Amino acid sequence: MPNVQVRDVPDDVHAELVRRAELAGQSLQQFLAAQLGVIAATPTTEDILDRIERRSKGSLSAATTIDVLDEERARR
């Protein structure tokens, strides 16, 4: 398994990470590995926008859309 080393972490950041690891009942290494997994699994904004762009588009005309909105507003 590959290793990652992070240098020059500010003391306050390190202390907070240690505190969170302890609260989670994990070593700092376990905690950080899990957090890196969460980061890697979270899609980027670009990924999300690409997914949205690939979705099939709606087929309503502008006139139909306006009519549906008007009907919905009239119900309120």
PDB file of N, CA and C in Angstrom:
ATOM      1  N   MET A   1       0.856  -1.175   0.000  1.00  0.00           N
ATOM      2  CA  MET A   1       0.000   0.000   0.000  1.00  0.00           C
ATOM      3  C   MET A   1       0.901   1.237   0.000  1.00  0.00           C
ATOM      4  N   PRO A   2       0.591   2.234  -0.817  1.00  0.00           N
ATOM      5  CA  PRO A   2       1.428   3.439  -0.876  1.00  0.00           C
ATOM      6  C   PRO A   2       1.385   4.231   0.429  1.00  0.00           C
ATOM      7  N   ASN A   3       2.425   5.023   0.640  1.00  0.00           N
ATOM      8  CA  ASN A   3       2.505   5.897   1.808  1.00  0.00           C
ATOM      9  C   ASN A   3       2.377   7.343   1.374  1.00  0.00           C
ATOM     10  N   VAL A   4       1.855   8.168   2.266  1.00  0.00           N
ATOM     11  CA  VAL A   4       1.751   9.609   2.048  1.00  0.00           C
ATOM     12  C   VAL A   4       2.393  10.274   3.258  1.00  0.00           C
ATOM     13  N   GLN A   5       3.231  11.249   3.006  1.00  0.00           N
ATOM     14  CA  GLN A   5       3.856  11.982   4.104  1.00  0.00           C
ATOM     15  C   GLN A   5       3.546  13.459   3.911  1.00  0.00           C
ATOM     16  N   VAL A   6       3.105  14.099   4.976  1.00  0.00           N
ATOM     17  CA  VAL A   6       2.781  15.527   4.928  1.00  0.00           C
ATOM     18  C   VAL A   6       3.731  16.242   5.874  1.00  0.00           C
ATOM     19  N   ARG A   7       4.434  17.214   5.343  1.00  0.00           N
ATOM     20  CA  ARG A   7       5.404  17.962   6.143  1.00  0.00           C
ATOM     21  C   ARG A   7       4.853  19.346   6.480  1.00  0.00           C
ATOM     22  N   ASP A   8       5.435  19.933   7.490  1.00  0.00           N
ATOM     23  CA  ASP A   8       5.155  21.325   7.869  1.00  0.00           C
ATOM     24  C   ASP A   8       3.691  21.576   8.212  1.00  0.00           C
ATOM     25  N   VAL A   9       3.091  20.624   8.916  1.00  0.00           N
ATOM     26  CA  VAL A   9       1.720  20.811   9.397  1.00  0.00           C
ATOM     27  C   VAL A   9       1.792  21.735  10.612  1.00  0.00           C
ATOM     28  N   PRO A  10       1.002  22.807  10.631  1.00  0.00           N
ATOM     29  CA  PRO A  10       1.017  23.708  11.790  1.00  0.00           C
ATOM     30  C   PRO A  10       0.667  22.955  13.076  1.00  0.00           C
ATOM     31  N   ASP A  11       1.276  23.378  14.170  1.00  0.00           N
ATOM     32  CA  ASP A  11       1.078  22.707  15.461  1.00  0.00           C
ATOM     33  C   ASP A  11      -0.388  22.629  15.861  1.00  0.00           C
ATOM     34  N   ASP A  12      -1.146  23.710  15.656  1.00  0.00           N
ATOM     35  CA  ASP A  12      -2.553  23.705  16.050  1.00  0.00           C
ATOM     36  C   ASP A  12      -3.371  22.735  15.202  1.00  0.00           C
ATOM     37  N   VAL A  13      -3.034  22.608  13.945  1.00  0.00           N
ATOM     38  CA  VAL A  13      -3.726  21.658  13.068  1.00  0.00           C
ATOM     39  C   VAL A  13      -3.413  20.226  13.514  1.00  0.00           C
ATOM     40  N   HIS A  14      -2.155  19.949  13.782  1.00  0.00           N
ATOM     41  CA  HIS A  14      -1.760  18.617  14.240  1.00  0.00           C
ATOM     42  C   HIS A  14      -2.475  18.257  15.544  1.00  0.00           C
ATOM     43  N   ALA A  15      -2.508  19.195  16.467  1.00  0.00           N
ATOM     44  CA  ALA A  15      -3.158  18.940  17.755  1.00  0.00           C
ATOM     45  C   ALA A  15      -4.640  18.634  17.570  1.00  0.00           C
ATOM     46  N   GLU A  16      -5.289  19.360  16.694  1.00  0.00           N
ATOM     47  CA  GLU A  16      -6.721  19.118  16.446  1.00  0.00           C
ATOM     48  C   GLU A  16      -6.945  17.757  15.799  1.00  0.00           C
ATOM     49  N   LEU A  17      -6.083  17.381  14.876  1.00  0.00           N
ATOM     50  CA  LEU A  17      -6.212  16.072  14.239  1.00  0.00           C
ATOM     51  C   LEU A  17      -5.988  14.952  15.249  1.00  0.00           C
ATOM     52  N   VAL A  18      -5.020  15.112  16.120  1.00  0.00           N
ATOM     53  CA  VAL A  18      -4.779  14.127  17.178  1.00  0.00           C
ATOM     54  C   VAL A  18      -6.003  14.032  18.085  1.00  0.00           C
ATOM     55  N   ARG A  19      -6.572  15.176  18.450  1.00  0.00           N
ATOM     56  CA  ARG A  19      -7.763  15.186  19.309  1.00  0.00           C
ATOM     57  C   ARG A  19      -8.917  14.440  18.652  1.00  0.00           C
ATOM     58  N   ARG A  20      -9.128  14.699  17.363  1.00  0.00           N
ATOM     59  CA  ARG A  20     -10.232  14.034  16.662  1.00  0.00           C
ATOM     60  C   ARG A  20      -9.993  12.534  16.530  1.00  0.00           C
ATOM     61  N   ALA A  21      -8.742  12.159  16.298  1.00  0.00           N
ATOM     62  CA  ALA A  21      -8.416  10.735  16.216  1.00  0.00           C
ATOM     63  C   ALA A  21      -8.705  10.053  17.550  1.00  0.00           C
ATOM     64  N   GLU A  22      -8.315  10.694  18.633  1.00  0.00           N
ATOM     65  CA  GLU A  22      -8.565  10.124  19.963  1.00  0.00           C
ATOM     66  C   GLU A  22     -10.058   9.982  20.225  1.00  0.00           C
ATOM     67  N   LEU A  23     -10.821  11.004  19.858  1.00  0.00           N
ATOM     68  CA  LEU A  23     -12.276  10.936  20.038  1.00  0.00           C
ATOM     69  C   LEU A  23     -12.892   9.797  19.229  1.00  0.00           C
ATOM     70  N   ALA A  24     -12.293   9.500  18.086  1.00  0.00           N
ATOM     71  CA  ALA A  24     -12.791   8.414  17.233  1.00  0.00           C
ATOM     72  C   ALA A  24     -12.239   7.059  17.659  1.00  0.00           C
ATOM     73  N   GLY A  25     -11.361   7.061  18.677  1.00  0.00           N
ATOM     74  CA  GLY A  25     -10.777   5.808  19.138  1.00  0.00           C
ATOM     75  C   GLY A  25      -9.800   5.224  18.124  1.00  0.00           C
ATOM     76  N   GLN A  26      -9.126   6.094  17.382  1.00  0.00           N
ATOM     77  CA  GLN A  26      -8.214   5.652  16.338  1.00  0.00           C
ATOM     78  C   GLN A  26      -6.839   6.284  16.544  1.00  0.00           C
ATOM     79  N   SER A  27      -5.853   5.649  15.926  1.00  0.00           N
ATOM     80  CA  SER A  27      -4.550   6.286  15.869  1.00  0.00           C
ATOM     81  C   SER A  27      -4.646   7.431  14.864  1.00  0.00           C
ATOM     82  N   LEU A  28      -3.687   8.331  14.921  1.00  0.00           N
ATOM     83  CA  LEU A  28      -3.684   9.424  13.955  1.00  0.00           C
ATOM     84  C   LEU A  28      -3.609   8.883  12.537  1.00  0.00           C
ATOM     85  N   GLN A  29      -2.806   7.859  12.319  1.00  0.00           N
ATOM     86  CA  GLN A  29      -2.673   7.262  10.988  1.00  0.00           C
ATOM     87  C   GLN A  29      -4.000   6.682  10.513  1.00  0.00           C
ATOM     88  N   GLN A  30      -4.688   5.950  11.375  1.00  0.00           N
ATOM     89  CA  GLN A  30      -5.995   5.383  11.004  1.00  0.00           C
ATOM     90  C   GLN A  30      -6.995   6.485  10.683  1.00  0.00           C
ATOM     91  N   PHE A  31      -7.019   7.502  11.542  1.00  0.00           N
ATOM     92  CA  PHE A  31      -7.956   8.596  11.349  1.00  0.00           C
ATOM     93  C   PHE A  31      -7.710   9.301  10.022  1.00  0.00           C
ATOM     94  N   LEU A  32      -6.447   9.634   9.752  1.00  0.00           N
ATOM     95  CA  LEU A  32      -6.125  10.355   8.524  1.00  0.00           C
ATOM     96  C   LEU A  32      -6.390   9.502   7.284  1.00  0.00           C
ATOM     97  N   ALA A  33      -6.097   8.205   7.363  1.00  0.00           N
ATOM     98  CA  ALA A  33      -6.373   7.323   6.231  1.00  0.00           C
ATOM     99  C   ALA A  33      -7.877   7.307   5.924  1.00  0.00           C
ATOM    100  N   ALA A  34      -8.698   7.254   6.969  1.00  0.00           N
ATOM    101  CA  ALA A  34     -10.148   7.278   6.772  1.00  0.00           C
ATOM    102  C   ALA A  34     -10.602   8.606   6.181  1.00  0.00           C
ATOM    103  N   GLN A  35     -10.053   9.699   6.684  1.00  0.00           N
ATOM    104  CA  GLN A  35     -10.423  11.011   6.169  1.00  0.00           C
ATOM    105  C   GLN A  35      -9.996  11.185   4.715  1.00  0.00           C
ATOM    106  N   LEU A  36      -8.833  10.681   4.370  1.00  0.00           N
ATOM    107  CA  LEU A  36      -8.395  10.740   2.975  1.00  0.00           C
ATOM    108  C   LEU A  36      -9.324   9.920   2.080  1.00  0.00           C
ATOM    109  N   GLY A  37      -9.821   8.799   2.604  1.00  0.00           N
ATOM    110  CA  GLY A  37     -10.798   8.004   1.858  1.00  0.00           C
ATOM    111  C   GLY A  37     -12.071   8.775   1.586  1.00  0.00           C
ATOM    112  N   VAL A  38     -12.523   9.529   2.591  1.00  0.00           N
ATOM    113  CA  VAL A  38     -13.725  10.358   2.423  1.00  0.00           C
ATOM    114  C   VAL A  38     -13.481  11.434   1.364  1.00  0.00           C
ATOM    115  N   ILE A  39     -12.325  12.076   1.438  1.00  0.00           N
ATOM    116  CA  ILE A  39     -11.993  13.114   0.462  1.00  0.00           C
ATOM    117  C   ILE A  39     -11.968  12.526  -0.945  1.00  0.00           C
ATOM    118  N   ALA A  40     -11.314  11.370  -1.101  1.00  0.00           N
ATOM    119  CA  ALA A  40     -11.197  10.755  -2.424  1.00  0.00           C
ATOM    120  C   ALA A  40     -12.552  10.306  -2.969  1.00  0.00           C
ATOM    121  N   ALA A  41     -13.475   9.928  -2.081  1.00  0.00           N
ATOM    122  CA  ALA A  41     -14.787   9.453  -2.518  1.00  0.00           C
ATOM    123  C   ALA A  41     -15.763  10.590  -2.813  1.00  0.00           C
ATOM    124  N   THR A  42     -15.445  11.798  -2.383  1.00  0.00           N
ATOM    125  CA  THR A  42     -16.327  12.937  -2.590  1.00  0.00           C
ATOM    126  C   THR A  42     -16.089  13.513  -3.980  1.00  0.00           C
ATOM    127  N   PRO A  43     -17.129  13.581  -4.802  1.00  0.00           N
ATOM    128  CA  PRO A  43     -16.923  14.104  -6.155  1.00  0.00           C
ATOM    129  C   PRO A  43     -16.565  15.590  -6.125  1.00  0.00           C
ATOM    130  N   THR A  44     -15.732  15.975  -7.076  1.00  0.00           N
ATOM    131  CA  THR A  44     -15.382  17.386  -7.200  1.00  0.00           C
ATOM    132  C   THR A  44     -16.538  18.144  -7.830  1.00  0.00           C
ATOM    133  N   THR A  45     -16.484  19.446  -7.749  1.00  0.00           N
ATOM    134  CA  THR A  45     -17.511  20.272  -8.402  1.00  0.00           C
ATOM    135  C   THR A  45     -17.548  19.974  -9.891  1.00  0.00           C
ATOM    136  N   GLU A  46     -16.372  19.828 -10.493  1.00  0.00           N
ATOM    137  CA  GLU A  46     -16.304  19.521 -11.925  1.00  0.00           C
ATOM    138  C   GLU A  46     -16.979  18.187 -12.240  1.00  0.00           C
ATOM    139  N   ASP A  47     -16.767  17.173 -11.368  1.00  0.00           N
ATOM    140  CA  ASP A  47     -17.410  15.875 -11.564  1.00  0.00           C
ATOM    141  C   ASP A  47     -18.931  16.009 -11.526  1.00  0.00           C
ATOM    142  N   ILE A  48     -19.419  16.758 -10.570  1.00  0.00           N
ATOM    143  CA  ILE A  48     -20.866  16.935 -10.432  1.00  0.00           C
ATOM    144  C   ILE A  48     -21.434  17.663 -11.645  1.00  0.00           C
ATOM    145  N   LEU A  49     -20.767  18.718 -12.070  1.00  0.00           N
ATOM    146  CA  LEU A  49     -21.237  19.457 -13.241  1.00  0.00           C
ATOM    147  C   LEU A  49     -21.213  18.589 -14.495  1.00  0.00           C
ATOM    148  N   ASP A  50     -20.192  17.747 -14.635  1.00  0.00           N
ATOM    149  CA  ASP A  50     -20.145  16.823 -15.778  1.00  0.00           C
ATOM    150  C   ASP A  50     -21.310  15.852 -15.751  1.00  0.00           C
ATOM    151  N   ARG A  51     -21.629  15.326 -14.566  1.00  0.00           N
ATOM    152  CA  ARG A  51     -22.770  14.406 -14.446  1.00  0.00           C
ATOM    153  C   ARG A  51     -24.065  15.096 -14.839  1.00  0.00           C
ATOM    154  N   ILE A  52     -24.233  16.318 -14.369  1.00  0.00           N
ATOM    155  CA  ILE A  52     -25.447  17.067 -14.691  1.00  0.00           C
ATOM    156  C   ILE A  52     -25.545  17.281 -16.195  1.00  0.00           C
ATOM    157  N   GLU A  53     -24.428  17.632 -16.810  1.00  0.00           N
ATOM    158  CA  GLU A  53     -24.419  17.900 -18.248  1.00  0.00           C
ATOM    159  C   GLU A  53     -24.751  16.649 -19.059  1.00  0.00           C
ATOM    160  N   ARG A  54     -24.357  15.474 -18.556  1.00  0.00           N
ATOM    161  CA  ARG A  54     -24.606  14.227 -19.286  1.00  0.00           C
ATOM    162  C   ARG A  54     -26.040  13.716 -19.134  1.00  0.00           C
ATOM    163  N   ARG A  55     -26.779  14.247 -18.180  1.00  0.00           N
ATOM    164  CA  ARG A  55     -28.153  13.790 -17.982  1.00  0.00           C
ATOM    165  C   ARG A  55     -29.003  14.151 -19.186  1.00  0.00           C
ATOM    166  N   SER A  56     -30.023  13.323 -19.422  1.00  0.00           N
ATOM    167  CA  SER A  56     -30.931  13.643 -20.519  1.00  0.00           C
ATOM    168  C   SER A  56     -31.719  14.895 -20.155  1.00  0.00           C
ATOM    169  N   LYS A  57     -31.960  15.682 -21.143  1.00  0.00           N
ATOM    170  CA  LYS A  57     -32.651  16.961 -20.940  1.00  0.00           C
ATOM    171  C   LYS A  57     -34.159  16.763 -20.991  1.00  0.00           C
ATOM    172  N   GLY A  58     -34.871  17.677 -20.390  1.00  0.00           N
ATOM    173  CA  GLY A  58     -36.326  17.644 -20.428  1.00  0.00           C
ATOM    174  C   GLY A  58     -36.837  17.969 -21.820  1.00  0.00           C
ATOM    175  N   SER A  59     -38.084  17.663 -22.055  1.00  0.00           N
ATOM    176  CA  SER A  59     -38.639  17.874 -23.392  1.00  0.00           C
ATOM    177  C   SER A  59     -39.819  18.843 -23.393  1.00  0.00           C
ATOM    178  N   LEU A  60     -39.978  19.610 -22.336  1.00  0.00           N
ATOM    179  CA  LEU A  60     -41.082  20.564 -22.295  1.00  0.00           C
ATOM    180  C   LEU A  60     -40.727  21.808 -23.099  1.00  0.00           C
ATOM    181  N   SER A  61     -41.694  22.314 -23.795  1.00  0.00           N
ATOM    182  CA  SER A  61     -41.475  23.575 -24.509  1.00  0.00           C
ATOM    183  C   SER A  61     -41.554  24.722 -23.505  1.00  0.00           C
ATOM    184  N   ALA A  62     -41.086  25.868 -23.929  1.00  0.00           N
ATOM    185  CA  ALA A  62     -41.144  27.046 -23.057  1.00  0.00           C
ATOM    186  C   ALA A  62     -42.594  27.381 -22.711  1.00  0.00           C
ATOM    187  N   ALA A  63     -43.478  27.290 -23.681  1.00  0.00           N
ATOM    188  CA  ALA A  63     -44.894  27.613 -23.449  1.00  0.00           C
ATOM    189  C   ALA A  63     -45.511  26.660 -22.434  1.00  0.00           C
ATOM    190  N   THR A  64     -45.227  25.375 -22.564  1.00  0.00           N
ATOM    191  CA  THR A  64     -45.755  24.389 -21.623  1.00  0.00           C
ATOM    192  C   THR A  64     -45.204  24.642 -20.225  1.00  0.00           C
ATOM    193  N   THR A  65     -43.932  24.954 -20.138  1.00  0.00           N
ATOM    194  CA  THR A  65     -43.311  25.243 -18.852  1.00  0.00           C
ATOM    195  C   THR A  65     -43.979  26.423 -18.177  1.00  0.00           C
ATOM    196  N   ILE A  66     -44.226  27.470 -18.922  1.00  0.00           N
ATOM    197  CA  ILE A  66     -44.891  28.668 -18.378  1.00  0.00           C
ATOM    198  C   ILE A  66     -46.295  28.323 -17.908  1.00  0.00           C
ATOM    199  N   ASP A  67     -47.032  27.530 -18.699  1.00  0.00           N
ATOM    200  CA  ASP A  67     -48.388  27.134 -18.313  1.00  0.00           C
ATOM    201  C   ASP A  67     -48.379  26.336 -17.009  1.00  0.00           C
ATOM    202  N   VAL A  68     -47.446  25.403 -16.873  1.00  0.00           N
ATOM    203  CA  VAL A  68     -47.361  24.588 -15.665  1.00  0.00           C
ATOM    204  C   VAL A  68     -47.018  25.458 -14.460  1.00  0.00           C
ATOM    205  N   LEU A  69     -46.091  26.387 -14.633  1.00  0.00           N
ATOM    206  CA  LEU A  69     -45.750  27.292 -13.531  1.00  0.00           C
ATOM    207  C   LEU A  69     -46.935  28.160 -13.133  1.00  0.00           C
ATOM    208  N   ASP A  70     -47.650  28.693 -14.124  1.00  0.00           N
ATOM    209  CA  ASP A  70     -48.835  29.503 -13.836  1.00  0.00           C
ATOM    210  C   ASP A  70     -49.899  28.712 -13.081  1.00  0.00           C
ATOM    211  N   GLU A  71     -50.102  27.453 -13.475  1.00  0.00           N
ATOM    212  CA  GLU A  71     -51.079  26.615 -12.788  1.00  0.00           C
ATOM    213  C   GLU A  71     -50.660  26.353 -11.345  1.00  0.00           C
ATOM    214  N   GLU A  72     -49.393  26.103 -11.147  1.00  0.00           N
ATOM    215  CA  GLU A  72     -48.901  25.843  -9.794  1.00  0.00           C
ATOM    216  C   GLU A  72     -49.043  27.077  -8.928  1.00  0.00           C
ATOM    217  N   ARG A  73     -48.709  28.232  -9.475  1.00  0.00           N
ATOM    218  CA  ARG A  73     -48.846  29.484  -8.708  1.00  0.00           C
ATOM    219  C   ARG A  73     -50.302  29.789  -8.374  1.00  0.00           C
ATOM    220  N   ALA A  74     -51.201  29.439  -9.271  1.00  0.00           N
ATOM    221  CA  ALA A  74     -52.632  29.699  -9.039  1.00  0.00           C
ATOM    222  C   ALA A  74     -53.162  28.843  -7.894  1.00  0.00           C
ATOM    223  N   ARG A  75     -52.573  27.687  -7.658  1.00  0.00           N
ATOM    224  CA  ARG A  75     -53.018  26.804  -6.572  1.00  0.00           C
ATOM    225  C   ARG A  75     -52.636  27.347  -5.201  1.00  0.00           C
ATOM    226  N   ARG A  76     -51.686  28.244  -5.137  1.00  0.00           N
ATOM    227  CA  ARG A  76     -51.198  28.745  -3.842  1.00  0.00           C
ATOM    228  C   ARG A  76     -52.041  29.845  -3.291  1.00  0.00           C
TER     229      ARG A  76
END
